């Protein structure tokens, strides 16, 4: 039998709630869910040492799923313009492949800095 202590249970609940919040934010605003996931994963995994690469990859996997779900819902509601969305698919796929290949090559410290700068830029841009 598997036993779960109170701290682990709280982490599981936190991750589940963070995932739900990330999906909601992404579906509602069209962006930002990945940021929630990165913060949640960094918080939960902080005692495991330097796992930033794993957190970015995990976030990306989750973002892929809830982005597809959001797109399907938008399409079902007639709010998705496929002709505009299709223009981004090939460049996004190519960029995703390049980014995934570079993830293992860049120092984790720089990954965190790049991510922080993007978050700051996005925040300022939204204001």
C-alpha atoms as a PDB file:
ATOM      1  CA  UNK A   1       0.000   0.000   0.000  1.00  0.00           C
ATOM      2  CA  UNK A   2       1.231   3.471  -0.854  1.00  0.00           C
ATOM      3  CA  UNK A   3       1.255   5.972   1.986  1.00  0.00           C
ATOM      4  CA  UNK A   4       1.130   9.710   1.433  1.00  0.00           C
ATOM      5  CA  UNK A   5       2.160  12.096   4.173  1.00  0.00           C
ATOM      6  CA  UNK A   6       0.405  15.395   4.795  1.00  0.00           C
ATOM      7  CA  UNK A   7       3.058  17.507   3.026  1.00  0.00           C
ATOM      8  CA  UNK A   8       2.923  15.330  -0.100  1.00  0.00           C
ATOM      9  CA  UNK A   9      -0.873  15.469  -0.118  1.00  0.00           C
ATOM     10  CA  UNK A  10      -0.779  19.266   0.131  1.00  0.00           C
ATOM     11  CA  UNK A  11       1.678  19.381  -2.784  1.00  0.00           C
ATOM     12  CA  UNK A  12      -0.589  17.153  -4.863  1.00  0.00           C
ATOM     13  CA  UNK A  13      -3.603  19.358  -4.120  1.00  0.00           C
ATOM     14  CA  UNK A  14      -1.522  22.472  -4.899  1.00  0.00           C
ATOM     15  CA  UNK A  15      -0.416  21.035  -8.253  1.00  0.00           C
ATOM     16  CA  UNK A  16      -3.981  20.033  -9.158  1.00  0.00           C
ATOM     17  CA  UNK A  17      -5.313  23.497  -8.291  1.00  0.00           C
ATOM     18  CA  UNK A  18      -2.417  25.136 -10.153  1.00  0.00           C
ATOM     19  CA  UNK A  19      -3.159  23.013 -13.218  1.00  0.00           C
ATOM     20  CA  UNK A  20      -6.822  24.011 -13.083  1.00  0.00           C
ATOM     21  CA  UNK A  21      -5.850  27.681 -12.682  1.00  0.00           C
ATOM     22  CA  UNK A  22      -3.402  27.437 -15.588  1.00  0.00           C
ATOM     23  CA  UNK A  23      -6.032  25.888 -17.836  1.00  0.00           C
ATOM     24  CA  UNK A  24      -8.597  28.492 -16.826  1.00  0.00           C
ATOM     25  CA  UNK A  25      -6.233  31.414 -17.392  1.00  0.00           C
ATOM     26  CA  UNK A  26      -5.117  30.067 -20.746  1.00  0.00           C
ATOM     27  CA  UNK A  27      -8.686  29.407 -21.886  1.00  0.00           C
ATOM     28  CA  UNK A  28      -9.948  32.726 -20.561  1.00  0.00           C
ATOM     29  CA  UNK A  29      -7.092  34.975 -21.688  1.00  0.00           C
ATOM     30  CA  UNK A  30      -5.486  32.892 -24.435  1.00  0.00           C
ATOM     31  CA  UNK A  31      -2.096  32.989 -22.690  1.00  0.00           C
ATOM     32  CA  UNK A  32      -0.417  32.859 -19.315  1.00  0.00           C
ATOM     33  CA  UNK A  33      -1.207  29.347 -18.139  1.00  0.00           C
ATOM     34  CA  UNK A  34       2.359  28.193 -18.650  1.00  0.00           C
ATOM     35  CA  UNK A  35       3.587  30.933 -16.353  1.00  0.00           C
ATOM     36  CA  UNK A  36       1.308  29.670 -13.585  1.00  0.00           C
ATOM     37  CA  UNK A  37       2.623  26.150 -14.084  1.00  0.00           C
ATOM     38  CA  UNK A  38       6.271  27.213 -13.992  1.00  0.00           C
ATOM     39  CA  UNK A  39       5.732  29.083 -10.724  1.00  0.00           C
ATOM     40  CA  UNK A  40       3.814  26.140  -9.230  1.00  0.00           C
ATOM     41  CA  UNK A  41       6.394  23.565 -10.300  1.00  0.00           C
ATOM     42  CA  UNK A  42       9.280  25.701  -9.055  1.00  0.00           C
ATOM     43  CA  UNK A  43       7.512  26.094  -5.704  1.00  0.00           C
ATOM     44  CA  UNK A  44       6.791  22.390  -5.284  1.00  0.00           C
ATOM     45  CA  UNK A  45      10.143  21.157  -6.582  1.00  0.00           C
ATOM     46  CA  UNK A  46      12.399  23.716  -4.867  1.00  0.00           C
ATOM     47  CA  UNK A  47      13.904  21.247  -2.416  1.00  0.00           C
ATOM     48  CA  UNK A  48      14.836  18.883  -5.259  1.00  0.00           C
ATOM     49  CA  UNK A  49      17.576  21.222  -6.433  1.00  0.00           C
ATOM     50  CA  UNK A  50      17.943  22.536  -9.934  1.00  0.00           C
ATOM     51  CA  UNK A  51      15.068  21.064 -11.940  1.00  0.00           C
ATOM     52  CA  UNK A  52      14.223  24.094 -14.075  1.00  0.00           C
ATOM     53  CA  UNK A  53      14.607  22.181 -17.343  1.00  0.00           C
ATOM     54  CA  UNK A  54      12.202  19.508 -16.155  1.00  0.00           C
ATOM     55  CA  UNK A  55       9.735  22.175 -15.034  1.00  0.00           C
ATOM     56  CA  UNK A  56       9.834  23.933 -18.410  1.00  0.00           C
ATOM     57  CA  UNK A  57       9.314  20.637 -20.231  1.00  0.00           C
ATOM     58  CA  UNK A  58       6.494  19.586 -17.901  1.00  0.00           C
ATOM     59  CA  UNK A  59       4.807  22.951 -18.323  1.00  0.00           C
ATOM     60  CA  UNK A  60       5.079  22.670 -22.094  1.00  0.00           C
ATOM     61  CA  UNK A  61       3.414  19.254 -22.099  1.00  0.00           C
ATOM     62  CA  UNK A  62       0.505  20.585 -20.030  1.00  0.00           C
ATOM     63  CA  UNK A  63       0.218  23.754 -22.131  1.00  0.00           C
ATOM     64  CA  UNK A  64      -0.074  21.629 -25.262  1.00  0.00           C
ATOM     65  CA  UNK A  65      -3.044  19.730 -23.855  1.00  0.00           C
ATOM     66  CA  UNK A  66      -5.021  22.654 -22.489  1.00  0.00           C
ATOM     67  CA  UNK A  67      -4.248  24.774 -25.550  1.00  0.00           C
ATOM     68  CA  UNK A  68      -5.778  22.080 -27.752  1.00  0.00           C
ATOM     69  CA  UNK A  69      -8.807  21.904 -25.457  1.00  0.00           C
ATOM     70  CA  UNK A  70      -9.228  25.695 -25.479  1.00  0.00           C
ATOM     71  CA  UNK A  71      -8.848  25.829 -29.266  1.00  0.00           C
ATOM     72  CA  UNK A  72     -11.485  23.098 -29.661  1.00  0.00           C
ATOM     73  CA  UNK A  73     -13.879  25.011 -27.406  1.00  0.00           C
ATOM     74  CA  UNK A  74     -13.257  28.269 -29.264  1.00  0.00           C
ATOM     75  CA  UNK A  75     -13.807  26.451 -32.579  1.00  0.00           C
ATOM     76  CA  UNK A  76     -17.019  24.896 -31.253  1.00  0.00           C
ATOM     77  CA  UNK A  77     -18.272  28.340 -30.246  1.00  0.00           C
ATOM     78  CA  UNK A  78     -17.339  29.800 -33.633  1.00  0.00           C
ATOM     79  CA  UNK A  79     -14.695  32.078 -32.100  1.00  0.00           C
ATOM     80  CA  UNK A  80     -11.624  30.586 -33.785  1.00  0.00           C
ATOM     81  CA  UNK A  81     -10.524  31.924 -37.162  1.00  0.00           C
ATOM     82  CA  UNK A  82      -8.735  28.879 -38.642  1.00  0.00           C
ATOM     83  CA  UNK A  83      -7.265  30.879 -41.529  1.00  0.00           C
ATOM     84  CA  UNK A  84      -5.485  33.189 -39.053  1.00  0.00           C
ATOM     85  CA  UNK A  85      -4.455  30.352 -36.726  1.00  0.00           C
ATOM     86  CA  UNK A  86      -3.025  28.173 -39.509  1.00  0.00           C
ATOM     87  CA  UNK A  87      -0.518  30.880 -40.445  1.00  0.00           C
ATOM     88  CA  UNK A  88       1.189  30.334 -37.060  1.00  0.00           C
ATOM     89  CA  UNK A  89       1.214  26.513 -36.967  1.00  0.00           C
ATOM     90  CA  UNK A  90       4.317  25.723 -39.027  1.00  0.00           C
ATOM     91  CA  UNK A  91       6.482  28.550 -37.623  1.00  0.00           C
ATOM     92  CA  UNK A  92       5.349  27.639 -34.088  1.00  0.00           C
ATOM     93  CA  UNK A  93       6.201  23.980 -34.642  1.00  0.00           C
ATOM     94  CA  UNK A  94       9.641  24.869 -35.993  1.00  0.00           C
ATOM     95  CA  UNK A  95      10.254  27.279 -33.099  1.00  0.00           C
ATOM     96  CA  UNK A  96       9.127  24.642 -30.604  1.00  0.00           C
ATOM     97  CA  UNK A  97      11.570  22.108 -32.011  1.00  0.00           C
ATOM     98  CA  UNK A  98      14.434  24.593 -31.931  1.00  0.00           C
ATOM     99  CA  UNK A  99      13.564  25.659 -28.382  1.00  0.00           C
ATOM    100  CA  UNK A 100      13.371  22.045 -27.188  1.00  0.00           C
ATOM    101  CA  UNK A 101      16.769  21.297 -28.724  1.00  0.00           C
ATOM    102  CA  UNK A 102      18.306  24.376 -27.087  1.00  0.00           C
ATOM    103  CA  UNK A 103      16.777  23.652 -23.666  1.00  0.00           C
ATOM    104  CA  UNK A 104      19.544  21.184 -22.779  1.00  0.00           C
ATOM    105  CA  UNK A 105      22.273  23.434 -24.132  1.00  0.00           C
ATOM    106  CA  UNK A 106      21.561  26.635 -22.191  1.00  0.00           C
ATOM    107  CA  UNK A 107      22.681  27.126 -18.585  1.00  0.00           C
ATOM    108  CA  UNK A 108      19.720  26.864 -16.186  1.00  0.00           C
ATOM    109  CA  UNK A 109      20.576  30.246 -14.678  1.00  0.00           C
ATOM    110  CA  UNK A 110      20.123  31.842 -18.117  1.00  0.00           C
ATOM    111  CA  UNK A 111      16.894  29.935 -18.753  1.00  0.00           C
ATOM    112  CA  UNK A 112      15.436  31.414 -15.585  1.00  0.00           C
ATOM    113  CA  UNK A 113      16.610  34.900 -16.509  1.00  0.00           C
ATOM    114  CA  UNK A 114      15.184  34.662 -20.027  1.00  0.00           C
ATOM    115  CA  UNK A 115      11.889  33.422 -18.613  1.00  0.00           C
ATOM    116  CA  UNK A 116      11.797  36.234 -16.039  1.00  0.00           C
ATOM    117  CA  UNK A 117      12.500  38.853 -18.707  1.00  0.00           C
ATOM    118  CA  UNK A 118       9.710  37.485 -20.895  1.00  0.00           C
ATOM    119  CA  UNK A 119       7.274  37.558 -17.975  1.00  0.00           C
ATOM    120  CA  UNK A 120       8.260  41.139 -17.117  1.00  0.00           C
ATOM    121  CA  UNK A 121       7.976  42.203 -20.769  1.00  0.00           C
ATOM    122  CA  UNK A 122       4.563  40.558 -21.105  1.00  0.00           C
ATOM    123  CA  UNK A 123       3.348  42.216 -17.908  1.00  0.00           C
ATOM    124  CA  UNK A 124       4.491  45.656 -19.012  1.00  0.00           C
ATOM    125  CA  UNK A 125       3.047  45.113 -22.467  1.00  0.00           C
ATOM    126  CA  UNK A 126      -0.339  44.150 -21.018  1.00  0.00           C
ATOM    127  CA  UNK A 127      -0.456  47.280 -18.856  1.00  0.00           C
END
